[in-house]
């Protein structure tokens, strides 16, 4: 005659059985051991212990950077999703099985409902952590696969293609440059104009960053050799911020590009600066507030009272609806957008200087912990508002660079604004010379007067910020001679 596995413990009180079941959720196999299922208990405990040891070993032997590099690889994320869901299912089966194997006295009525409710709550508790891991991994995989393309617009920059590793991102290349664009596209506007254009050149060895800011109203823009110069042989007929839309409206230009407008502005900015632009990333300013809200806001040092609104599309000045007051302010998305765009009481150049402060603040404050805390909102906002040609294959190397940028690297900036560059009649040779000087490593002190202007300006050349100065902290050194300005110091980022 077949004997039920739990017959040795049949008749055990339900309260004691439930207590042992809850204990088994913490010490897997305990209920089976008490029920006399010693072999099954050893197997269950051994599997749980092996899983725990594996997780601990992985955490102790894998650097934070390498874990983050794995988090941008869709294949690894798929493995995490499957394993996490399998653990959740296994733990639920273990919980319900532990109660059954104890052979409690059958309950009816309210007591039976209580047992079912207790098992349901316990199942939810044990399944919640691995399900949360699977959910985060799914959101991350969805973001990576939807935002970042498969193809690389360049050839073999990723370490995986050229044999580099996490210690030598981008196969040992000295610099990688990403063009950061902010567009003004919105329901009340026709077309897309790139009102903010900043080329971020990153030293792959140190993580040091130099930001090259170009004014949106730059004129007489020369076109790079190729189809755009054939289209506009005497220079671009509009302001620099119109390149994106003009190229988009010309179907025969840059055919085959994923985003012809973005490819066009990349090519033009590369030609203006005299350096390669590897990738671009563009965010829609109309939805920028969602992005800032997604990381929990941003803290900046406001150097002057900034009006909110007060300037119509045709340039008419009207009373503002409010102000951002001077001082250290933690701004939500809407206020951060006005901090970056306000120009009623200033100029385009003033807001360019604030924009680089905002970029520096966001780079500094978007730590892995902060990003994880707001991951769902950030993922949703990024997919809706951002566009890029950065391929998935280089994301691990960008993670390495990002980690170095958070480890004490410098952020410097050069703004091509008056009086350094006159936007109506720009000296493009001067722009290229200033870029070259900024990217050259500082010469030894023995070189004396021949030292390159790329070195940070001496303290005496950088006056203290003044609330009465329309350009804020960095106006004087930035506009003086085109030398790079330390963004952390100029913007009081600490």
Protein backbone atom coordinates (compact mmCIF):
# COMPACT_ATOMS: atom_id res chain seq x y z
CA UNK A 1 0.00 0.00 0.00
CA UNK A 2 1.36 3.46 -0.95
CA UNK A 3 2.06 5.72 2.02
CA UNK A 4 1.74 9.52 1.67
CA UNK A 5 5.16 11.18 2.09
CA UNK A 6 3.91 13.24 4.99
CA UNK A 7 2.19 10.37 6.81
CA UNK A 8 4.86 10.34 9.56
CA UNK A 9 3.83 13.86 10.60
CA UNK A 10 0.11 13.69 9.80
CA UNK A 11 -2.04 15.56 12.20
CA UNK A 12 0.48 18.36 12.92
CA UNK A 13 -1.29 21.53 14.17
CA UNK A 14 -1.81 24.06 11.34
CA UNK A 15 -0.29 26.94 13.35
CA UNK A 16 2.95 25.01 13.92
CA UNK A 17 2.97 23.88 10.29
CA UNK A 18 2.58 27.46 9.11
CA UNK A 19 5.35 28.63 11.46
CA UNK A 20 7.71 25.99 10.06
CA UNK A 21 6.70 26.95 6.51
CA UNK A 22 7.63 30.60 7.14
CA UNK A 23 10.90 29.47 8.70
CA UNK A 24 11.58 27.34 5.61
CA UNK A 25 11.34 30.45 3.47
CA UNK A 26 14.45 31.68 5.32
CA UNK A 27 16.16 28.30 5.85
CA UNK A 28 15.16 26.26 2.77
CA UNK A 29 14.62 22.59 3.53
CA UNK A 30 13.78 23.02 7.22
CA UNK A 31 10.16 21.86 6.84
CA UNK A 32 11.27 18.79 4.86
CA UNK A 33 13.82 17.94 7.58
CA UNK A 34 11.19 18.20 10.34
CA UNK A 35 8.81 16.09 8.26
CA UNK A 36 11.42 13.35 7.98
CA UNK A 37 12.30 14.03 4.35
CA UNK A 38 16.03 14.29 5.16
CA UNK A 39 17.40 13.62 1.67
CA UNK A 40 15.08 16.18 0.07
CA UNK A 41 15.95 18.67 2.83
CA UNK A 42 19.70 18.30 2.14
CA UNK A 43 19.19 18.76 -1.61
CA UNK A 44 17.00 21.86 -1.15
CA UNK A 45 19.36 23.42 1.38
CA UNK A 46 22.43 22.66 -0.77
CA UNK A 47 20.86 24.27 -3.85
CA UNK A 48 19.87 27.39 -1.88
CA UNK A 49 23.33 27.61 -0.30
CA UNK A 50 25.03 27.22 -3.68
CA UNK A 51 22.86 30.00 -5.09
CA UNK A 52 23.68 32.29 -2.15
CA UNK A 53 27.42 31.54 -2.40
CA UNK A 54 27.32 32.19 -6.14
CA UNK A 55 25.71 35.60 -5.63
CA UNK A 56 28.21 36.52 -2.89
CA UNK A 57 31.20 35.40 -4.98
CA UNK A 58 29.91 37.36 -7.98
CA UNK A 59 29.49 40.47 -5.84
CA UNK A 60 32.95 40.12 -4.25
CA UNK A 61 34.91 39.25 -7.39
CA UNK A 62 33.23 41.55 -9.90
CA UNK A 63 33.90 45.28 -9.80
CA UNK A 64 31.06 47.76 -9.77
CA UNK A 65 32.14 48.95 -13.22
CA UNK A 66 32.02 45.45 -14.66
CA UNK A 67 28.58 44.84 -13.15
CA UNK A 68 27.37 48.05 -14.79
CA UNK A 69 28.96 46.98 -18.09
CA UNK A 70 26.98 43.73 -17.89
CA UNK A 71 23.82 45.75 -17.25
CA UNK A 72 23.93 47.25 -20.76
CA UNK A 73 24.33 43.94 -22.58
CA UNK A 74 20.95 42.60 -23.73
CA UNK A 75 22.16 39.00 -23.65
CA UNK A 76 23.18 39.20 -20.01
CA UNK A 77 19.96 40.99 -19.15
CA UNK A 78 17.95 38.18 -20.72
CA UNK A 79 19.84 35.66 -18.57
CA UNK A 80 19.11 37.74 -15.45
CA UNK A 81 15.39 37.89 -16.32
CA UNK A 82 15.12 34.11 -16.83
CA UNK A 83 17.15 33.22 -13.73
CA UNK A 84 15.30 35.71 -11.51
CA UNK A 85 11.88 34.45 -12.61
CA UNK A 86 13.02 30.84 -12.14
CA UNK A 87 14.16 31.66 -8.58
CA UNK A 88 10.83 33.38 -7.85
CA UNK A 89 8.87 30.39 -9.12
CA UNK A 90 11.10 27.94 -7.27
CA UNK A 91 10.72 29.81 -4.00
CA UNK A 92 6.91 29.87 -4.32
CA UNK A 93 6.85 26.13 -5.05
CA UNK A 94 9.11 25.55 -2.05
CA UNK A 95 6.79 27.54 0.22
CA UNK A 96 3.64 25.72 -0.79
CA UNK A 97 5.43 22.38 -0.87
CA UNK A 98 6.85 22.92 2.61
CA UNK A 99 3.37 23.36 4.05
CA UNK A 100 2.06 20.27 2.26
CA UNK A 101 4.93 18.04 3.31
CA UNK A 102 4.30 18.86 6.97
CA UNK A 103 0.87 17.19 6.69
CA UNK A 104 -1.15 19.65 8.78
CA UNK A 105 -4.65 18.88 9.94
CA UNK A 106 -7.11 19.80 7.23
CA UNK A 107 -8.99 23.04 7.89
CA UNK A 108 -12.41 24.18 6.79
CA UNK A 109 -14.25 27.48 6.67
CA UNK A 110 -12.53 30.54 8.04
CA UNK A 111 -9.45 28.57 9.15
CA UNK A 112 -8.89 27.30 5.61
CA UNK A 113 -9.18 30.86 4.26
CA UNK A 114 -6.60 31.95 6.84
CA UNK A 115 -4.18 29.24 5.70
CA UNK A 116 -4.59 30.19 2.04
CA UNK A 117 -4.12 33.87 2.88
CA UNK A 118 -0.97 33.20 4.93
CA UNK A 119 0.54 31.08 2.13
CA UNK A 120 -0.35 33.74 -0.44
CA UNK A 121 1.30 36.50 1.59
CA UNK A 122 4.42 34.39 2.14
CA UNK A 123 4.59 33.52 -1.56
CA UNK A 124 4.37 37.20 -2.50
CA UNK A 125 7.08 38.10 0.00
CA UNK A 126 9.57 35.50 -1.22
CA UNK A 127 8.82 36.16 -4.90
CA UNK A 128 8.98 39.96 -4.68
CA UNK A 129 12.80 40.41 -4.64
CA UNK A 130 13.61 38.19 -7.65
CA UNK A 131 10.57 39.53 -9.55
CA UNK A 132 11.79 43.08 -8.88
CA UNK A 133 15.21 42.12 -10.26
CA UNK A 134 13.57 40.61 -13.34
CA UNK A 135 11.46 43.74 -13.80
CA UNK A 136 14.45 46.09 -13.61
CA UNK A 137 16.36 43.86 -16.02
CA UNK A 138 13.40 43.87 -18.43
CA UNK A 139 13.08 47.67 -18.31
CA UNK A 140 16.82 48.04 -18.84
CA UNK A 141 16.81 45.59 -21.77
CA UNK A 142 13.82 47.36 -23.30
CA UNK A 143 15.60 50.73 -22.99
CA UNK A 144 18.85 49.43 -24.48
CA UNK A 145 17.22 47.67 -27.41
CA UNK A 146 14.79 50.49 -28.24
CA UNK A 147 17.03 53.54 -27.79
CA UNK A 148 20.40 52.30 -28.99
CA UNK A 149 20.75 50.96 -32.56
CA UNK A 150 22.41 47.73 -33.64
CA UNK A 151 24.68 49.29 -36.21
CA UNK A 152 27.71 51.46 -35.47
CA UNK A 153 27.96 54.62 -37.60
CA UNK A 154 31.72 54.35 -37.12
CA UNK A 155 33.84 51.25 -37.73
CA UNK A 156 34.98 49.28 -34.75
CA UNK A 157 35.16 51.83 -31.92
CA UNK A 158 33.93 49.33 -29.36
CA UNK A 159 36.45 47.34 -27.37
CA UNK A 160 34.68 44.14 -28.32
CA UNK A 161 35.56 44.70 -31.98
CA UNK A 162 39.19 45.73 -31.61
CA UNK A 163 40.23 43.51 -28.79
CA UNK A 164 40.21 46.10 -26.00
CA UNK A 165 38.89 45.50 -22.52
CA UNK A 166 37.23 47.33 -19.70
CA UNK A 167 40.60 48.84 -18.69
CA UNK A 168 41.13 50.20 -22.20
CA UNK A 169 37.79 51.50 -23.42
CA UNK A 170 37.38 52.14 -27.12
CA UNK A 171 40.40 49.99 -27.97
CA UNK A 172 42.85 52.44 -26.44
CA UNK A 173 41.72 55.50 -28.43
CA UNK A 174 42.70 58.75 -26.76
CA UNK A 175 39.35 60.57 -27.09
CA UNK A 176 35.72 59.94 -27.93
CA UNK A 177 33.45 62.86 -28.78
CA UNK A 178 29.66 62.91 -28.40
CA UNK A 179 27.55 65.75 -29.76
CA UNK A 180 24.85 66.69 -27.24
CA UNK A 181 21.83 68.29 -28.90
CA UNK A 182 18.68 69.81 -27.45
CA UNK A 183 15.87 70.39 -29.91
CA UNK A 184 12.96 72.81 -29.65
CA UNK A 185 10.47 70.48 -31.34
CA UNK A 186 6.99 70.78 -29.88
CA UNK A 187 3.28 70.97 -30.70
CA UNK A 188 3.48 74.77 -31.12
CA UNK A 189 6.50 74.69 -33.45
CA UNK A 190 7.10 73.67 -37.05
CA UNK A 191 10.11 71.45 -37.62
CA UNK A 192 13.10 70.89 -35.36
CA UNK A 193 15.86 73.34 -34.51
CA UNK A 194 18.83 72.33 -32.38
CA UNK A 195 18.94 75.25 -29.96
CA UNK A 196 21.70 73.73 -27.83
CA UNK A 197 24.81 72.15 -29.38
CA UNK A 198 27.63 70.94 -27.14
CA UNK A 199 30.40 68.59 -28.24
CA UNK A 200 31.65 66.59 -25.24
CA UNK A 201 35.16 65.30 -25.89
CA UNK A 202 36.10 62.62 -23.35
CA UNK A 203 39.63 61.47 -22.55
CA UNK A 204 39.32 57.67 -22.53
CA UNK A 205 42.29 57.25 -20.17
CA UNK A 206 41.28 59.69 -17.42
CA UNK A 207 37.58 60.44 -17.99
CA UNK A 208 38.34 64.17 -18.23
CA UNK A 209 35.78 66.04 -20.34
CA UNK A 210 36.01 69.19 -22.44
CA UNK A 211 32.72 70.75 -23.58
CA UNK A 212 32.73 72.81 -26.78
CA UNK A 213 29.60 74.99 -26.90
CA UNK A 214 28.46 76.41 -30.24
CA UNK A 215 25.92 79.28 -30.41
CA UNK A 216 22.69 78.50 -32.18
CA UNK A 217 22.92 81.78 -34.16
CA UNK A 218 26.32 81.07 -35.75
CA UNK A 219 26.24 82.37 -39.34
CA UNK A 220 28.15 81.82 -42.59
CA UNK A 221 28.58 78.18 -41.61
CA UNK A 222 30.91 76.35 -44.05
CA UNK A 223 29.75 72.98 -45.29
CA UNK A 224 31.97 69.87 -45.14
CA UNK A 225 33.08 68.34 -48.46
CA UNK A 226 30.42 66.11 -49.95
CA UNK A 227 26.71 66.34 -50.71
CA UNK A 228 26.04 69.20 -48.28
CA UNK A 229 28.73 71.39 -49.81
CA UNK A 230 27.32 70.52 -53.24
CA UNK A 231 23.92 71.68 -51.97
CA UNK A 232 25.25 74.86 -50.34
CA UNK A 233 28.64 75.64 -51.94
CA UNK A 234 28.78 79.18 -50.49
CA UNK A 235 27.91 78.20 -46.93
CA UNK A 236 24.72 77.42 -45.08
CA UNK A 237 21.96 79.97 -45.81
CA UNK A 238 20.51 80.00 -42.29
CA UNK A 239 21.71 79.92 -38.68
CA UNK A 240 23.57 76.86 -37.39
CA UNK A 241 20.51 75.62 -35.48
CA UNK A 242 18.65 75.25 -38.80
CA UNK A 243 20.98 72.60 -40.27
CA UNK A 244 19.02 69.69 -38.78
CA UNK A 245 15.70 70.68 -40.34
CA UNK A 246 17.19 71.81 -43.67
CA UNK A 247 18.93 68.46 -44.18
CA UNK A 248 15.82 66.59 -43.08
CA UNK A 249 13.83 68.47 -45.75
CA UNK A 250 16.27 67.44 -48.50
CA UNK A 251 15.58 63.72 -49.17
CA UNK A 252 18.60 63.37 -51.47
CA UNK A 253 21.06 64.39 -48.72
CA UNK A 254 22.76 61.71 -46.61
CA UNK A 255 20.50 58.93 -47.87
CA UNK A 256 20.60 55.79 -45.75
CA UNK A 257 21.33 57.57 -42.47
CA UNK A 258 19.10 56.56 -39.55
CA UNK A 259 18.44 60.27 -38.86
CA UNK A 260 19.60 62.41 -41.79
CA UNK A 261 19.22 65.66 -39.85
CA UNK A 262 21.36 64.40 -36.99
CA UNK A 263 23.95 63.00 -39.39
CA UNK A 264 24.05 66.40 -41.07
CA UNK A 265 24.59 68.44 -37.90
CA UNK A 266 27.22 65.94 -36.73
CA UNK A 267 29.13 66.40 -39.97
CA UNK A 268 28.85 70.21 -39.86
CA UNK A 269 29.92 70.53 -36.21
CA UNK A 270 32.82 68.16 -36.84
CA UNK A 271 33.94 70.38 -39.72
CA UNK A 272 33.58 73.57 -37.65
CA UNK A 273 35.58 72.19 -34.70
CA UNK A 274 38.12 70.30 -36.78
CA UNK A 275 37.70 67.06 -34.80
CA UNK A 276 35.77 63.83 -35.41
CA UNK A 277 32.31 63.60 -33.88
CA UNK A 278 31.75 59.95 -33.07
CA UNK A 279 28.15 59.95 -31.87
CA UNK A 280 25.23 62.22 -31.07
CA UNK A 281 22.55 62.23 -28.39
CA UNK A 282 19.51 64.50 -28.72
CA UNK A 283 16.82 65.34 -26.19
CA UNK A 284 13.62 67.23 -26.86
CA UNK A 285 13.62 70.40 -24.71
CA UNK A 286 9.81 70.39 -24.55
CA UNK A 287 10.02 67.18 -22.56
CA UNK A 288 13.34 67.85 -20.83
CA UNK A 289 11.47 68.47 -17.58
CA UNK A 290 10.36 64.82 -17.54
CA UNK A 291 13.98 63.70 -17.77
CA UNK A 292 15.10 65.92 -14.86
CA UNK A 293 12.12 64.84 -12.77
CA UNK A 294 13.06 61.23 -13.52
CA UNK A 295 16.41 61.64 -11.72
CA UNK A 296 14.79 63.43 -8.79
CA UNK A 297 15.65 66.99 -9.82
CA UNK A 298 19.01 68.74 -10.09
CA UNK A 299 20.87 71.12 -7.76
CA UNK A 300 22.58 74.19 -9.24
CA UNK A 301 24.01 77.49 -8.02
CA UNK A 302 21.86 80.23 -9.56
CA UNK A 303 24.00 83.36 -9.93
CA UNK A 304 21.28 85.81 -10.94
CA UNK A 305 17.49 86.20 -10.79
CA UNK A 306 16.08 84.41 -13.83
CA UNK A 307 12.62 85.20 -15.23
CA UNK A 308 10.25 82.36 -16.04
CA UNK A 309 8.64 83.23 -19.37
CA UNK A 310 8.40 86.86 -20.36
CA UNK A 311 9.47 86.49 -23.98
CA UNK A 312 7.11 85.58 -26.82
CA UNK A 313 8.14 83.62 -29.92
CA UNK A 314 8.39 86.85 -31.95
CA UNK A 315 10.72 88.44 -29.38
CA UNK A 316 8.09 90.61 -27.66
CA UNK A 317 8.85 91.16 -23.96
CA UNK A 318 5.96 90.57 -21.57
CA UNK A 319 5.82 90.30 -17.77
CA UNK A 320 7.29 86.97 -16.55
CA UNK A 321 5.09 84.52 -14.67
CA UNK A 322 7.72 84.10 -11.96
CA UNK A 323 11.42 83.97 -11.16
CA UNK A 324 14.16 81.51 -10.19
CA UNK A 325 15.88 83.24 -7.29
CA UNK A 326 19.68 83.40 -6.82
CA UNK A 327 21.42 80.88 -4.59
CA UNK A 328 21.82 77.12 -4.43
CA UNK A 329 18.53 75.72 -5.69
CA UNK A 330 17.20 72.20 -6.15
CA UNK A 331 15.20 72.48 -9.35
CA UNK A 332 12.45 70.22 -10.60
CA UNK A 333 12.15 69.51 -14.32
CA UNK A 334 10.10 72.58 -15.20
CA UNK A 335 12.40 74.99 -13.32
CA UNK A 336 15.54 73.29 -14.70
CA UNK A 337 14.20 73.85 -18.21
CA UNK A 338 13.72 77.55 -17.50
CA UNK A 339 17.17 77.74 -15.92
CA UNK A 340 18.59 76.43 -19.20
CA UNK A 341 16.37 78.46 -21.55
CA UNK A 342 15.56 81.77 -19.84
CA UNK A 343 16.84 84.75 -21.89
CA UNK A 344 14.36 87.57 -21.31
CA UNK A 345 16.87 89.57 -19.26
CA UNK A 346 19.98 88.21 -20.96
CA UNK A 347 21.27 86.74 -24.20
CA UNK A 348 21.68 83.41 -25.94
CA UNK A 349 25.26 83.37 -24.70
CA UNK A 350 24.19 83.72 -21.08
CA UNK A 351 21.98 80.68 -21.32
CA UNK A 352 24.73 78.73 -23.09
CA UNK A 353 26.86 79.25 -19.99
CA UNK A 354 24.02 78.09 -17.75
CA UNK A 355 23.47 75.06 -19.96
CA UNK A 356 27.00 73.83 -19.45
CA UNK A 357 26.54 74.29 -15.67
CA UNK A 358 23.37 72.20 -15.94
CA UNK A 359 25.20 69.50 -17.92
CA UNK A 360 27.96 69.41 -15.31
CA UNK A 361 25.48 69.20 -12.45
CA UNK A 362 23.54 66.36 -14.07
CA UNK A 363 26.73 64.41 -14.83
CA UNK A 364 27.83 64.81 -11.22
CA UNK A 365 24.49 64.00 -9.61
CA UNK A 366 23.33 61.15 -11.87
CA UNK A 367 25.09 58.51 -9.76
CA UNK A 368 24.29 54.79 -10.23
CA UNK A 369 22.35 54.78 -6.93
CA UNK A 370 20.31 57.81 -7.95
CA UNK A 371 19.62 56.38 -11.40
CA UNK A 372 18.53 53.04 -9.92
CA UNK A 373 16.25 54.82 -7.44
CA UNK A 374 14.37 56.53 -10.28
CA UNK A 375 15.00 53.90 -12.93
CA UNK A 376 11.45 53.30 -14.13
CA UNK A 377 10.71 57.00 -14.62
CA UNK A 378 14.10 57.61 -16.22
CA UNK A 379 13.68 54.70 -18.61
CA UNK A 380 10.22 55.86 -19.68
CA UNK A 381 11.29 59.49 -20.17
CA UNK A 382 14.46 58.57 -22.04
CA UNK A 383 12.67 56.34 -24.55
CA UNK A 384 10.12 59.07 -25.29
CA UNK A 385 12.37 62.10 -25.40
CA UNK A 386 15.83 61.00 -26.47
CA UNK A 387 17.43 59.84 -29.70
CA UNK A 388 20.98 58.69 -30.34
CA UNK A 389 23.19 56.80 -32.76
CA UNK A 390 25.35 55.34 -29.98
CA UNK A 391 25.30 51.59 -30.74
CA UNK A 392 24.77 48.93 -28.13
CA UNK A 393 28.24 47.55 -28.79
CA UNK A 394 29.97 50.59 -27.25
CA UNK A 395 27.73 50.96 -24.19
CA UNK A 396 30.04 48.92 -21.91
CA UNK A 397 32.94 51.22 -22.80
CA UNK A 398 30.78 54.30 -22.12
CA UNK A 399 29.96 52.80 -18.71
CA UNK A 400 33.70 52.60 -17.99
CA UNK A 401 34.15 56.22 -19.04
CA UNK A 402 31.17 57.27 -16.94
CA UNK A 403 32.67 55.59 -13.90
CA UNK A 404 35.94 57.45 -14.44
CA UNK A 405 34.03 60.72 -14.84
CA UNK A 406 32.54 60.16 -11.37
CA UNK A 407 35.98 59.41 -9.88
CA UNK A 408 37.43 62.90 -9.68
CA UNK A 409 37.88 63.70 -13.35
CA UNK A 410 37.63 67.28 -14.56
CA UNK A 411 34.95 68.91 -16.68
CA UNK A 412 36.15 71.96 -18.62
CA UNK A 413 34.31 74.08 -21.14
CA UNK A 414 35.01 76.39 -24.08
CA UNK A 415 32.16 78.57 -25.33
CA UNK A 416 32.53 80.18 -28.76
CA UNK A 417 30.67 83.37 -27.90
CA UNK A 418 31.50 87.09 -28.22
CA UNK A 419 34.07 88.52 -27.86
CA UNK A 420 35.98 85.29 -28.58
CA UNK A 421 33.90 84.60 -31.69
CA UNK A 422 31.54 87.03 -33.42
CA UNK A 423 28.57 84.97 -34.53
CA UNK A 424 27.69 87.22 -37.48
CA UNK A 425 31.15 86.89 -39.00
CA UNK A 426 32.81 83.89 -37.31
CA UNK A 427 36.52 83.14 -37.56
CA UNK A 428 36.32 79.40 -38.13
CA UNK A 429 40.10 79.03 -38.29
CA UNK A 430 40.25 80.52 -34.80
CA UNK A 431 37.61 78.07 -33.56
CA UNK A 432 39.66 75.13 -34.85
CA UNK A 433 42.83 76.55 -33.30
CA UNK A 434 41.16 77.01 -29.91
CA UNK A 435 39.80 73.46 -30.06
CA UNK A 436 43.23 72.07 -30.89
CA UNK A 437 44.85 74.02 -28.05
CA UNK A 438 42.20 72.89 -25.57
CA UNK A 439 42.76 69.24 -26.47
CA UNK A 440 46.55 69.37 -26.34
CA UNK A 441 48.05 68.15 -23.05
CA UNK A 442 49.65 70.94 -20.95
CA UNK A 443 53.34 71.43 -21.66
CA UNK A 444 55.91 71.12 -18.85
CA UNK A 445 56.40 74.18 -16.66
CA UNK A 446 59.92 74.60 -18.06
CA UNK A 447 58.38 75.61 -21.35
CA UNK A 448 57.59 78.96 -19.72
CA UNK A 449 55.69 81.35 -21.91
CA UNK A 450 55.17 78.77 -24.61
CA UNK A 451 52.78 76.75 -22.45
CA UNK A 452 49.56 75.90 -24.24
CA UNK A 453 46.34 77.75 -23.39
CA UNK A 454 44.75 74.33 -22.81
CA UNK A 455 45.95 74.49 -19.21
CA UNK A 456 43.31 75.82 -16.79
CA UNK A 457 43.62 79.58 -16.36
CA UNK A 458 45.29 80.81 -13.15
CA UNK A 459 43.09 81.76 -10.24
CA UNK A 460 43.75 85.43 -10.75
CA UNK A 461 42.26 85.21 -14.24
CA UNK A 462 38.99 83.81 -12.97
CA UNK A 463 37.04 86.45 -11.05
CA UNK A 464 34.46 85.51 -8.48
CA UNK A 465 30.91 85.08 -9.75
CA UNK A 466 28.78 88.16 -9.54
CA UNK A 467 25.02 88.23 -9.45
CA UNK A 468 25.12 91.46 -11.40
CA UNK A 469 27.03 89.85 -14.25
CA UNK A 470 24.58 88.59 -16.88
CA UNK A 471 26.77 85.65 -17.72
CA UNK A 472 27.25 84.49 -14.18
CA UNK A 473 30.32 82.79 -12.81
CA UNK A 474 32.11 81.81 -15.95
CA UNK A 475 31.45 84.80 -18.20
CA UNK A 476 34.77 86.56 -17.71
CA UNK A 477 37.20 83.68 -18.25
CA UNK A 478 35.09 82.14 -20.98
CA UNK A 479 34.72 85.28 -23.00
CA UNK A 480 38.25 86.56 -22.42
CA UNK A 481 40.51 84.40 -24.56
CA UNK A 482 38.71 81.15 -25.28
CA UNK A 483 40.72 79.12 -22.72
CA UNK A 484 38.94 76.16 -21.13
CA UNK A 485 37.05 76.93 -17.93
CA UNK A 486 36.72 74.40 -15.12
CA UNK A 487 32.98 73.78 -14.96
CA UNK A 488 32.95 72.38 -11.42
CA UNK A 489 34.65 75.48 -10.02
CA UNK A 490 32.87 78.02 -12.22
CA UNK A 491 29.46 76.52 -11.48
CA UNK A 492 30.19 75.81 -7.80
CA UNK A 493 29.53 72.10 -8.24
CA UNK A 494 32.03 71.08 -5.54
